[in-house]
PDB file of N, CA and C in Angstrom:
ATOM      1  N   MET A   1      54.995  54.204  60.985  1.00  0.00           N
ATOM      2  CA  MET A   1      55.775  53.952  59.807  1.00  0.00           C
ATOM      3  C   MET A   1      56.797  55.064  59.623  1.00  0.00           C
ATOM      4  N   LYS A   2      58.020  54.695  59.360  1.00  0.00           N
ATOM      5  CA  LYS A   2      59.064  55.686  59.160  1.00  0.00           C
ATOM      6  C   LYS A   2      58.925  56.342  57.796  1.00  0.00           C
ATOM      7  N   ALA A   3      59.366  57.576  57.718  1.00  0.00           N
ATOM      8  CA  ALA A   3      59.330  58.294  56.448  1.00  0.00           C
ATOM      9  C   ALA A   3      60.426  57.759  55.530  1.00  0.00           C
ATOM     10  N   TYR A   4      60.174  57.841  54.244  1.00  0.00           N
ATOM     11  CA  TYR A   4      61.188  57.416  53.280  1.00  0.00           C
ATOM     12  C   TYR A   4      62.352  58.398  53.310  1.00  0.00           C
ATOM     13  N   SER A   5      63.550  57.894  53.061  1.00  0.00           N
ATOM     14  CA  SER A   5      64.741  58.739  53.116  1.00  0.00           C
ATOM     15  C   SER A   5      64.749  59.742  51.968  1.00  0.00           C
ATOM     16  N   ARG A   6      65.543  60.762  52.151  1.00  0.00           N
ATOM     17  CA  ARG A   6      65.668  61.804  51.140  1.00  0.00           C
ATOM     18  C   ARG A   6      66.223  61.233  49.833  1.00  0.00           C
ATOM     19  N   GLU A   7      67.199  60.316  49.952  1.00  0.00           N
ATOM     20  CA  GLU A   7      67.801  59.714  48.759  1.00  0.00           C
ATOM     21  C   GLU A   7      66.768  58.892  47.986  1.00  0.00           C
ATOM     22  N   PHE A   8      65.958  58.133  48.712  1.00  0.00           N
ATOM     23  CA  PHE A   8      64.925  57.329  48.070  1.00  0.00           C
ATOM     24  C   PHE A   8      63.927  58.225  47.345  1.00  0.00           C
ATOM     25  N   ARG A   9      63.543  59.319  47.981  1.00  0.00           N
ATOM     26  CA  ARG A   9      62.619  60.260  47.363  1.00  0.00           C
ATOM     27  C   ARG A   9      63.218  60.847  46.087  1.00  0.00           C
ATOM     28  N   ARG A  10      64.512  61.180  46.163  1.00  0.00           N
ATOM     29  CA  ARG A  10      65.179  61.722  44.967  1.00  0.00           C
ATOM     30  C   ARG A  10      65.205  60.702  43.840  1.00  0.00           C
ATOM     31  N   ASP A  11      65.465  59.435  44.173  1.00  0.00           N
ATOM     32  CA  ASP A  11      65.486  58.384  43.152  1.00  0.00           C
ATOM     33  C   ASP A  11      64.115  58.235  42.496  1.00  0.00           C
ATOM     34  N   VAL A  12      63.070  58.265  43.304  1.00  0.00           N
ATOM     35  CA  VAL A  12      61.711  58.136  42.773  1.00  0.00           C
ATOM     36  C   VAL A  12      61.381  59.323  41.872  1.00  0.00           C
ATOM     37  N   LEU A  13      61.718  60.527  42.334  1.00  0.00           N
ATOM     38  CA  LEU A  13      61.434  61.711  41.524  1.00  0.00           C
ATOM     39  C   LEU A  13      62.269  61.733  40.249  1.00  0.00           C
ATOM     40  N   ALA A  14      63.507  61.244  40.329  1.00  0.00           N
ATOM     41  CA  ALA A  14      64.352  61.172  39.134  1.00  0.00           C
ATOM     42  C   ALA A  14      63.748  60.216  38.113  1.00  0.00           C
ATOM     43  N   ALA A  15      63.206  59.104  38.589  1.00  0.00           N
ATOM     44  CA  ALA A  15      62.557  58.153  37.685  1.00  0.00           C
ATOM     45  C   ALA A  15      61.326  58.782  37.035  1.00  0.00           C
ATOM     46  N   CYS A  16      60.597  59.582  37.787  1.00  0.00           N
ATOM     47  CA  CYS A  16      59.432  60.269  37.223  1.00  0.00           C
ATOM     48  C   CYS A  16      59.870  61.324  36.208  1.00  0.00           C
ATOM     49  N   ASP A  17      60.942  62.046  36.531  1.00  0.00           N
ATOM     50  CA  ASP A  17      61.430  63.099  35.645  1.00  0.00           C
ATOM     51  C   ASP A  17      61.983  62.548  34.339  1.00  0.00           C
ATOM     52  N   SER A  18      62.491  61.330  34.373  1.00  0.00           N
ATOM     53  CA  SER A  18      63.070  60.747  33.162  1.00  0.00           C
ATOM     54  C   SER A  18      62.003  60.170  32.235  1.00  0.00           C
ATOM     55  N   GLY A  19      60.748  60.423  32.544  1.00  0.00           N
ATOM     56  CA  GLY A  19      59.674  60.020  31.645  1.00  0.00           C
ATOM     57  C   GLY A  19      58.875  58.822  32.107  1.00  0.00           C
ATOM     58  N   GLY A  20      59.183  58.289  33.269  1.00  0.00           N
ATOM     59  CA  GLY A  20      58.431  57.141  33.770  1.00  0.00           C
ATOM     60  C   GLY A  20      57.036  57.541  34.214  1.00  0.00           C
ATOM     61  N   LYS A  21      56.078  56.717  33.929  1.00  0.00           N
ATOM     62  CA  LYS A  21      54.707  56.983  34.354  1.00  0.00           C
ATOM     63  C   LYS A  21      54.574  56.656  35.841  1.00  0.00           C
ATOM     64  N   THR A  22      53.651  57.317  36.483  1.00  0.00           N
ATOM     65  CA  THR A  22      53.472  57.179  37.926  1.00  0.00           C
ATOM     66  C   THR A  22      53.248  55.727  38.328  1.00  0.00           C
ATOM     67  N   ARG A  23      52.406  55.026  37.604  1.00  0.00           N
ATOM     68  CA  ARG A  23      52.101  53.638  37.945  1.00  0.00           C
ATOM     69  C   ARG A  23      53.342  52.754  37.811  1.00  0.00           C
ATOM     70  N   GLU A  24      54.122  52.966  36.743  1.00  0.00           N
ATOM     71  CA  GLU A  24      55.333  52.165  36.522  1.00  0.00           C
ATOM     72  C   GLU A  24      56.365  52.415  37.618  1.00  0.00           C
ATOM     73  N   VAL A  25      56.543  53.690  37.963  1.00  0.00           N
ATOM     74  CA  VAL A  25      57.512  54.048  39.007  1.00  0.00           C
ATOM     75  C   VAL A  25      57.065  53.477  40.349  1.00  0.00           C
ATOM     76  N   ALA A  26      55.774  53.534  40.624  1.00  0.00           N
ATOM     77  CA  ALA A  26      55.247  52.997  41.883  1.00  0.00           C
ATOM     78  C   ALA A  26      55.506  51.506  41.981  1.00  0.00           C
ATOM     79  N   THR A  27      55.290  50.790  40.899  1.00  0.00           N
ATOM     80  CA  THR A  27      55.525  49.345  40.887  1.00  0.00           C
ATOM     81  C   THR A  27      57.013  49.041  41.033  1.00  0.00           C
ATOM     82  N   ARG A  28      57.825  49.812  40.336  1.00  0.00           N
ATOM     83  CA  ARG A  28      59.277  49.599  40.371  1.00  0.00           C
ATOM     84  C   ARG A  28      59.862  49.794  41.770  1.00  0.00           C
ATOM     85  N   PHE A  29      59.393  50.828  42.477  1.00  0.00           N
ATOM     86  CA  PHE A  29      59.947  51.144  43.795  1.00  0.00           C
ATOM     87  C   PHE A  29      59.123  50.567  44.947  1.00  0.00           C
ATOM     88  N   GLY A  30      57.987  49.976  44.652  1.00  0.00           N
ATOM     89  CA  GLY A  30      57.172  49.365  45.696  1.00  0.00           C
ATOM     90  C   GLY A  30      56.470  50.359  46.599  1.00  0.00           C
ATOM     91  N   VAL A  31      56.007  51.458  46.027  1.00  0.00           N
ATOM     92  CA  VAL A  31      55.276  52.472  46.791  1.00  0.00           C
ATOM     93  C   VAL A  31      53.924  52.702  46.120  1.00  0.00           C
ATOM     94  N   SER A  32      53.077  53.477  46.758  1.00  0.00           N
ATOM     95  CA  SER A  32      51.758  53.732  46.181  1.00  0.00           C
ATOM     96  C   SER A  32      51.816  54.890  45.187  1.00  0.00           C
ATOM     97  N   GLU A  33      50.887  54.855  44.263  1.00  0.00           N
ATOM     98  CA  GLU A  33      50.808  55.933  43.275  1.00  0.00           C
ATOM     99  C   GLU A  33      50.466  57.258  43.944  1.00  0.00           C
ATOM    100  N   SER A  34      49.597  57.207  44.937  1.00  0.00           N
ATOM    101  CA  SER A  34      49.196  58.442  45.614  1.00  0.00           C
ATOM    102  C   SER A  34      50.382  59.086  46.329  1.00  0.00           C
ATOM    103  N   TRP A  35      51.288  58.268  46.872  1.00  0.00           N
ATOM    104  CA  TRP A  35      52.473  58.822  47.533  1.00  0.00           C
ATOM    105  C   TRP A  35      53.346  59.546  46.512  1.00  0.00           C
ATOM    106  N   ILE A  36      53.505  58.948  45.333  1.00  0.00           N
ATOM    107  CA  ILE A  36      54.318  59.588  44.294  1.00  0.00           C
ATOM    108  C   ILE A  36      53.674  60.901  43.864  1.00  0.00           C
ATOM    109  N   ARG A  37      52.366  60.894  43.673  1.00  0.00           N
ATOM    110  CA  ARG A  37      51.682  62.141  43.309  1.00  0.00           C
ATOM    111  C   ARG A  37      51.867  63.200  44.387  1.00  0.00           C
ATOM    112  N   ARG A  38      51.822  62.778  45.639  1.00  0.00           N
ATOM    113  CA  ARG A  38      51.967  63.710  46.754  1.00  0.00           C
ATOM    114  C   ARG A  38      53.362  64.328  46.796  1.00  0.00           C
ATOM    115  N   ILE A  39      54.418  63.521  46.609  1.00  0.00           N
ATOM    116  CA  ILE A  39      55.766  64.110  46.680  1.00  0.00           C
ATOM    117  C   ILE A  39      56.057  64.958  45.442  1.00  0.00           C
ATOM    118  N   LYS A  40      55.464  64.596  44.300  1.00  0.00           N
ATOM    119  CA  LYS A  40      55.623  65.437  43.112  1.00  0.00           C
ATOM    120  C   LYS A  40      54.949  66.790  43.332  1.00  0.00           C
ATOM    121  N   GLN A  41      53.776  66.772  43.927  1.00  0.00           N
ATOM    122  CA  GLN A  41      53.058  68.013  44.207  1.00  0.00           C
ATOM    123  C   GLN A  41      53.814  68.855  45.230  1.00  0.00           C
ATOM    124  N   GLU A  42      54.342  68.206  46.249  1.00  0.00           N
ATOM    125  CA  GLU A  42      55.089  68.932  47.275  1.00  0.00           C
ATOM    126  C   GLU A  42      56.325  69.594  46.677  1.00  0.00           C
ATOM    127  N   ARG A  43      57.023  68.884  45.793  1.00  0.00           N
ATOM    128  CA  ARG A  43      58.211  69.459  45.149  1.00  0.00           C
ATOM    129  C   ARG A  43      57.807  70.623  44.249  1.00  0.00           C
ATOM    130  N   ARG A  44      56.697  70.465  43.548  1.00  0.00           N
ATOM    131  CA  ARG A  44      56.227  71.507  42.643  1.00  0.00           C
ATOM    132  C   ARG A  44      55.827  72.767  43.415  1.00  0.00           C
ATOM    133  N   GLU A  45      55.154  72.595  44.562  1.00  0.00           N
ATOM    134  CA  GLU A  45      54.640  73.742  45.310  1.00  0.00           C
ATOM    135  C   GLU A  45      55.673  74.394  46.216  1.00  0.00           C
ATOM    136  N   SER A  46      56.493  73.580  46.886  1.00  0.00           N
ATOM    137  CA  SER A  46      57.425  74.154  47.860  1.00  0.00           C
ATOM    138  C   SER A  46      58.888  73.971  47.491  1.00  0.00           C
ATOM    139  N   GLY A  47      59.158  73.108  46.531  1.00  0.00           N
ATOM    140  CA  GLY A  47      60.546  72.873  46.134  1.00  0.00           C
ATOM    141  C   GLY A  47      61.290  71.944  47.069  1.00  0.00           C
ATOM    142  N   LYS A  48      60.596  71.360  48.025  1.00  0.00           N
ATOM    143  CA  LYS A  48      61.247  70.488  49.002  1.00  0.00           C
ATOM    144  C   LYS A  48      61.052  69.026  48.634  1.00  0.00           C
ATOM    145  N   VAL A  49      62.090  68.239  48.902  1.00  0.00           N
ATOM    146  CA  VAL A  49      62.039  66.808  48.621  1.00  0.00           C
ATOM    147  C   VAL A  49      61.988  66.012  49.920  1.00  0.00           C
ATOM    148  N   ALA A  50      62.531  66.569  50.985  1.00  0.00           N
ATOM    149  CA  ALA A  50      62.636  65.848  52.258  1.00  0.00           C
ATOM    150  C   ALA A  50      61.269  65.681  52.914  1.00  0.00           C
ATOM    151  N   ALA A  51      61.177  64.691  53.773  1.00  0.00           N
ATOM    152  CA  ALA A  51      59.946  64.453  54.521  1.00  0.00           C
ATOM    153  C   ALA A  51      59.725  65.579  55.522  1.00  0.00           C
ATOM    154  N   LYS A  52      58.485  65.804  55.843  1.00  0.00           N
ATOM    155  CA  LYS A  52      58.170  66.827  56.832  1.00  0.00           C
ATOM    156  C   LYS A  52      58.632  66.364  58.202  1.00  0.00           C
ATOM    157  N   THR A  53      59.068  67.298  59.007  1.00  0.00           N
ATOM    158  CA  THR A  53      59.511  66.941  60.350  1.00  0.00           C
ATOM    159  C   THR A  53      58.303  66.703  61.241  1.00  0.00           C
ATOM    160  N   THR A  54      58.457  65.815  62.191  1.00  0.00           N
ATOM    161  CA  THR A  54      57.370  65.531  63.113  1.00  0.00           C
ATOM    162  C   THR A  54      57.411  66.515  64.270  1.00  0.00           C
ATOM    163  N   ARG A  55      56.258  66.720  64.855  1.00  0.00           N
ATOM    164  CA  ARG A  55      56.193  67.622  65.997  1.00  0.00           C
ATOM    165  C   ARG A  55      56.688  66.896  67.235  1.00  0.00           C
ATOM    166  N   ASN A  56      57.431  67.591  68.028  1.00  0.00           N
ATOM    167  CA  ASN A  56      57.856  67.054  69.318  1.00  0.00           C
ATOM    168  C   ASN A  56      56.969  67.691  70.377  1.00  0.00           C
ATOM    169  N   ARG A  57      55.756  67.187  70.453  1.00  0.00           N
ATOM    170  CA  ARG A  57      54.766  67.772  71.331  1.00  0.00           C
ATOM    171  C   ARG A  57      54.962  67.290  72.760  1.00  0.00           C
ATOM    172  N   LYS A  58      54.835  68.198  73.683  1.00  0.00           N
ATOM    173  CA  LYS A  58      54.957  67.878  75.099  1.00  0.00           C
ATOM    174  C   LYS A  58      53.634  67.277  75.575  1.00  0.00           C
ATOM    175  N   ARG A  59      53.727  66.185  76.310  1.00  0.00           N
ATOM    176  CA  ARG A  59      52.516  65.569  76.842  1.00  0.00           C
ATOM    177  C   ARG A  59      51.958  66.434  77.961  1.00  0.00           C
ATOM    178  N   SER A  60      50.650  66.430  78.089  1.00  0.00           N
ATOM    179  CA  SER A  60      50.008  67.310  79.062  1.00  0.00           C
ATOM    180  C   SER A  60      50.359  66.940  80.499  1.00  0.00           C
ATOM    181  N   TRP A  61      50.772  65.708  80.725  1.00  0.00           N
ATOM    182  CA  TRP A  61      51.057  65.256  82.088  1.00  0.00           C
ATOM    183  C   TRP A  61      52.555  65.231  82.396  1.00  0.00           C
ATOM    184  N   ASP A  62      53.400  65.729  81.524  1.00  0.00           N
ATOM    185  CA  ASP A  62      54.846  65.703  81.765  1.00  0.00           C
ATOM    186  C   ASP A  62      55.247  66.427  83.051  1.00  0.00           C
ATOM    187  N   ASP A  63      54.552  67.515  83.356  1.00  0.00           N
ATOM    188  CA  ASP A  63      54.918  68.307  84.534  1.00  0.00           C
ATOM    189  C   ASP A  63      54.674  67.559  85.842  1.00  0.00           C
ATOM    190  N   TRP A  64      53.685  66.699  85.887  1.00  0.00           N
ATOM    191  CA  TRP A  64      53.361  65.997  87.132  1.00  0.00           C
ATOM    192  C   TRP A  64      53.536  64.488  87.023  1.00  0.00           C
ATOM    193  N   GLY A  65      54.268  64.021  86.047  1.00  0.00           N
ATOM    194  CA  GLY A  65      54.501  62.586  85.865  1.00  0.00           C
ATOM    195  C   GLY A  65      55.298  61.960  86.997  1.00  0.00           C
ATOM    196  N   VAL A  66      56.326  62.664  87.473  1.00  0.00           N
ATOM    197  CA  VAL A  66      57.142  62.145  88.583  1.00  0.00           C
ATOM    198  C   VAL A  66      56.296  62.064  89.848  1.00  0.00           C
ATOM    199  N   TRP A  67      55.480  63.091  90.066  1.00  0.00           N
ATOM    200  CA  TRP A  67      54.591  63.092  91.228  1.00  0.00           C
ATOM    201  C   TRP A  67      53.650  61.887  91.178  1.00  0.00           C
ATOM    202  N   LEU A  68      53.100  61.604  90.001  1.00  0.00           N
ATOM    203  CA  LEU A  68      52.185  60.479  89.833  1.00  0.00           C
ATOM    204  C   LEU A  68      52.885  59.150  90.101  1.00  0.00           C
ATOM    205  N   THR A  69      54.086  59.009  89.603  1.00  0.00           N
ATOM    206  CA  THR A  69      54.857  57.780  89.832  1.00  0.00           C
ATOM    207  C   THR A  69      55.079  57.550  91.322  1.00  0.00           C
ATOM    208  N   GLN A  70      55.470  58.593  92.027  1.00  0.00           N
ATOM    209  CA  GLN A  70      55.697  58.469  93.472  1.00  0.00           C
ATOM    210  C   GLN A  70      54.399  58.141  94.204  1.00  0.00           C
ATOM    211  N   LYS A  71      53.312  58.757  93.778  1.00  0.00           N
ATOM    212  CA  LYS A  71      52.015  58.538  94.421  1.00  0.00           C
ATOM    213  C   LYS A  71      51.575  57.078  94.274  1.00  0.00           C
ATOM    214  N   ILE A  72      51.731  56.526  93.080  1.00  0.00           N
ATOM    215  CA  ILE A  72      51.323  55.138  92.845  1.00  0.00           C
ATOM    216  C   ILE A  72      52.277  54.173  93.533  1.00  0.00           C
ATOM    217  N   ASP A  73      53.566  54.507  93.578  1.00  0.00           N
ATOM    218  CA  ASP A  73      54.534  53.632  94.243  1.00  0.00           C
ATOM    219  C   ASP A  73      54.291  53.566  95.751  1.00  0.00           C
ATOM    220  N   THR A  74      53.866  54.669  96.350  1.00  0.00           N
ATOM    221  CA  THR A  74      53.632  54.664  97.794  1.00  0.00           C
ATOM    222  C   THR A  74      52.292  54.027  98.153  1.00  0.00           C
ATOM    223  N   ARG A  75      51.306  54.185  97.272  1.00  0.00           N
ATOM    224  CA  ARG A  75      49.982  53.617  97.548  1.00  0.00           C
ATOM    225  C   ARG A  75      49.419  53.024  96.260  1.00  0.00           C
ATOM    226  N   SER A  76      49.652  51.743  96.064  1.00  0.00           N
ATOM    227  CA  SER A  76      49.313  51.112  94.785  1.00  0.00           C
ATOM    228  C   SER A  76      47.823  50.836  94.610  1.00  0.00           C
ATOM    229  N   ASP A  77      47.032  50.940  95.681  1.00  0.00           N
ATOM    230  CA  ASP A  77      45.600  50.652  95.552  1.00  0.00           C
ATOM    231  C   ASP A  77      44.756  51.924  95.438  1.00  0.00           C
ATOM    232  N   ILE A  78      45.368  53.011  95.030  1.00  0.00           N
ATOM    233  CA  ILE A  78      44.677  54.296  94.937  1.00  0.00           C
ATOM    234  C   ILE A  78      43.755  54.317  93.711  1.00  0.00           C
ATOM    235  N   TYR A  79      42.622  54.964  93.855  1.00  0.00           N
ATOM    236  CA  TYR A  79      41.665  55.102  92.760  1.00  0.00           C
ATOM    237  C   TYR A  79      42.026  56.316  91.906  1.00  0.00           C
ATOM    238  N   LEU A  80      41.586  56.291  90.656  1.00  0.00           N
ATOM    239  CA  LEU A  80      41.852  57.420  89.764  1.00  0.00           C
ATOM    240  C   LEU A  80      41.215  58.700  90.290  1.00  0.00           C
ATOM    241  N   ARG A  81      40.030  58.578  90.857  1.00  0.00           N
ATOM    242  CA  ARG A  81      39.353  59.766  91.408  1.00  0.00           C
ATOM    243  C   ARG A  81      40.149  60.366  92.570  1.00  0.00           C
ATOM    244  N   GLU A  82      40.781  59.512  93.360  1.00  0.00           N
ATOM    245  CA  GLU A  82      41.618  60.016  94.458  1.00  0.00           C
ATOM    246  C   GLU A  82      42.849  60.725  93.911  1.00  0.00           C
ATOM    247  N   ILE A  83      43.439  60.164  92.865  1.00  0.00           N
ATOM    248  CA  ILE A  83      44.593  60.822  92.231  1.00  0.00           C
ATOM    249  C   ILE A  83      44.162  62.171  91.675  1.00  0.00           C
ATOM    250  N   GLN A  84      42.992  62.204  91.046  1.00  0.00           N
ATOM    251  CA  GLN A  84      42.473  63.439  90.479  1.00  0.00           C
ATOM    252  C   GLN A  84      42.273  64.503  91.566  1.00  0.00           C
ATOM    253  N   ALA A  85      41.715  64.101  92.699  1.00  0.00           N
ATOM    254  CA  ALA A  85      41.497  65.038  93.806  1.00  0.00           C
ATOM    255  C   ALA A  85      42.821  65.511  94.393  1.00  0.00           C
ATOM    256  N   ASP A  86      43.785  64.592  94.549  1.00  0.00           N
ATOM    257  CA  ASP A  86      45.097  64.967  95.084  1.00  0.00           C
ATOM    258  C   ASP A  86      45.839  65.905  94.137  1.00  0.00           C
ATOM    259  N   LEU A  87      45.720  65.669  92.853  1.00  0.00           N
ATOM    260  CA  LEU A  87      46.350  66.561  91.875  1.00  0.00           C
ATOM    261  C   LEU A  87      45.809  67.977  92.020  1.00  0.00           C
ATOM    262  N   LYS A  88      44.498  68.071  92.186  1.00  0.00           N
ATOM    263  CA  LYS A  88      43.881  69.391  92.309  1.00  0.00           C
ATOM    264  C   LYS A  88      44.275  70.072  93.613  1.00  0.00           C
ATOM    265  N   SER A  89      44.283  69.315  94.716  1.00  0.00           N
ATOM    266  CA  SER A  89      44.575  69.935  96.013  1.00  0.00           C
ATOM    267  C   SER A  89      46.066  70.210  96.213  1.00  0.00           C
ATOM    268  N   GLU A  90      46.933  69.292  95.777  1.00  0.00           N
ATOM    269  CA  GLU A  90      48.369  69.448  96.023  1.00  0.00           C
ATOM    270  C   GLU A  90      49.080  70.288  94.963  1.00  0.00           C
ATOM    271  N   LEU A  91      48.717  70.089  93.700  1.00  0.00           N
ATOM    272  CA  LEU A  91      49.430  70.775  92.621  1.00  0.00           C
ATOM    273  C   LEU A  91      48.593  71.829  91.911  1.00  0.00           C
ATOM    274  N   GLY A  92      47.294  71.852  92.190  1.00  0.00           N
ATOM    275  CA  GLY A  92      46.425  72.821  91.536  1.00  0.00           C
ATOM    276  C   GLY A  92      46.172  72.513  90.068  1.00  0.00           C
ATOM    277  N   VAL A  93      46.257  71.233  89.706  1.00  0.00           N
ATOM    278  CA  VAL A  93      46.084  70.812  88.313  1.00  0.00           C
ATOM    279  C   VAL A  93      44.764  70.068  88.180  1.00  0.00           C
ATOM    280  N   GLU A  94      43.943  70.496  87.218  1.00  0.00           N
ATOM    281  CA  GLU A  94      42.682  69.807  86.943  1.00  0.00           C
ATOM    282  C   GLU A  94      42.815  69.041  85.637  1.00  0.00           C
ATOM    283  N   VAL A  95      42.703  67.718  85.721  1.00  0.00           N
ATOM    284  CA  VAL A  95      42.775  66.873  84.527  1.00  0.00           C
ATOM    285  C   VAL A  95      41.673  65.826  84.591  1.00  0.00           C
ATOM    286  N   SER A  96      41.400  65.228  83.448  1.00  0.00           N
ATOM    287  CA  SER A  96      40.370  64.192  83.384  1.00  0.00           C
ATOM    288  C   SER A  96      40.931  62.859  83.869  1.00  0.00           C
ATOM    289  N   LEU A  97      40.027  61.960  84.173  1.00  0.00           N
ATOM    290  CA  LEU A  97      40.431  60.613  84.577  1.00  0.00           C
ATOM    291  C   LEU A  97      41.146  59.909  83.427  1.00  0.00           C
ATOM    292  N   TRP A  98      40.710  60.182  82.202  1.00  0.00           N
ATOM    293  CA  TRP A  98      41.323  59.581  81.020  1.00  0.00           C
ATOM    294  C   TRP A  98      42.797  59.987  80.910  1.00  0.00           C
ATOM    295  N   THR A  99      43.106  61.253  81.169  1.00  0.00           N
ATOM    296  CA  THR A  99      44.487  61.728  81.101  1.00  0.00           C
ATOM    297  C   THR A  99      45.342  61.025  82.144  1.00  0.00           C
ATOM    298  N   ILE A 100      44.800  60.855  83.336  1.00  0.00           N
ATOM    299  CA  ILE A 100      45.537  60.156  84.393  1.00  0.00           C
ATOM    300  C   ILE A 100      45.767  58.704  83.992  1.00  0.00           C
ATOM    301  N   CYS A 101      44.754  58.079  83.431  1.00  0.00           N
ATOM    302  CA  CYS A 101      44.869  56.685  82.993  1.00  0.00           C
ATOM    303  C   CYS A 101      45.937  56.545  81.908  1.00  0.00           C
ATOM    304  N   GLN A 102      45.946  57.456  80.942  1.00  0.00           N
ATOM    305  CA  GLN A 102      46.946  57.414  79.870  1.00  0.00           C
ATOM    306  C   GLN A 102      48.350  57.653  80.415  1.00  0.00           C
ATOM    307  N   ALA A 103      48.478  58.546  81.388  1.00  0.00           N
ATOM    308  CA  ALA A 103      49.780  58.799  82.001  1.00  0.00           C
ATOM    309  C   ALA A 103      50.276  57.554  82.730  1.00  0.00           C
ATOM    310  N   CYS A 104      49.383  56.876  83.439  1.00  0.00           N
ATOM    311  CA  CYS A 104      49.765  55.637  84.135  1.00  0.00           C
ATOM    312  C   CYS A 104      50.242  54.589  83.143  1.00  0.00           C
ATOM    313  N   ARG A 105      49.545  54.475  82.022  1.00  0.00           N
ATOM    314  CA  ARG A 105      49.956  53.518  80.990  1.00  0.00           C
ATOM    315  C   ARG A 105      51.328  53.854  80.432  1.00  0.00           C
ATOM    316  N   ALA A 106      51.539  55.123  80.121  1.00  0.00           N
ATOM    317  CA  ALA A 106      52.815  55.536  79.534  1.00  0.00           C
ATOM    318  C   ALA A 106      53.965  55.362  80.523  1.00  0.00           C
ATOM    319  N   LEU A 107      53.681  55.569  81.797  1.00  0.00           N
ATOM    320  CA  LEU A 107      54.705  55.410  82.833  1.00  0.00           C
ATOM    321  C   LEU A 107      54.855  53.959  83.271  1.00  0.00           C
ATOM    322  N   LYS A 108      54.016  53.081  82.708  1.00  0.00           N
ATOM    323  CA  LYS A 108      54.027  51.650  83.034  1.00  0.00           C
ATOM    324  C   LYS A 108      53.805  51.416  84.531  1.00  0.00           C
ATOM    325  N   ARG A 109      52.832  52.146  85.064  1.00  0.00           N
ATOM    326  CA  ARG A 109      52.451  51.996  86.457  1.00  0.00           C
ATOM    327  C   ARG A 109      51.035  51.452  86.512  1.00  0.00           C
ATOM    328  N   THR A 110      50.844  50.384  87.266  1.00  0.00           N
ATOM    329  CA  THR A 110      49.513  49.825  87.422  1.00  0.00           C
ATOM    330  C   THR A 110      49.070  50.025  88.859  1.00  0.00           C
ATOM    331  N   ARG A 111      47.773  50.177  89.002  1.00  0.00           N
ATOM    332  CA  ARG A 111      47.204  50.325  90.332  1.00  0.00           C
ATOM    333  C   ARG A 111      46.621  48.983  90.710  1.00  0.00           C
ATOM    334  N   LYS A 112      47.161  48.357  91.745  1.00  0.00           N
ATOM    335  CA  LYS A 112      46.737  47.016  92.162  1.00  0.00           C
ATOM    336  C   LYS A 112      45.666  47.139  93.235  1.00  0.00           C
ATOM    337  N   LYS A 113      44.555  46.471  93.007  1.00  0.00           N
ATOM    338  CA  LYS A 113      43.483  46.467  93.994  1.00  0.00           C
ATOM    339  C   LYS A 113      43.580  45.253  94.904  1.00  0.00           C
ATOM    340  N   ARG A 114      44.184  44.198  94.428  1.00  0.00           N
ATOM    341  CA  ARG A 114      44.339  42.984  95.235  1.00  0.00           C
ATOM    342  C   ARG A 114      45.804  42.776  95.549  1.00  0.00           C
ATOM    343  N   ARG A 115      46.041  42.171  96.680  1.00  0.00           N
ATOM    344  CA  ARG A 115      47.440  41.898  97.042  1.00  0.00           C
ATOM    345  C   ARG A 115      47.659  40.432  97.181  1.00  0.00           C
TER     346      ARG A 115
END
């Protein structure tokens, strides 16, 4: 879900500041009462109205994603355990099978056992 815009937040807070009750403002703007309480508290404590920025976290497999793509493209019937062993021997990276599976999903690469 996308965060509400700064202008929308200001409008909601302005309605609250002009004497509107939380429930009335929530109904008027189509938001939850708890959200209004949260942004009022945030403004009171930090003085900020804007939404918090999201983290741009690096995925753990970003460094070897290209290697994985090439490996699956050259040998599509490879097992996850074989990929795990090759990662350790060729790149010196130890990861779980789950991480490899999630990387394959994100890269939209499937391992075909039948041809």
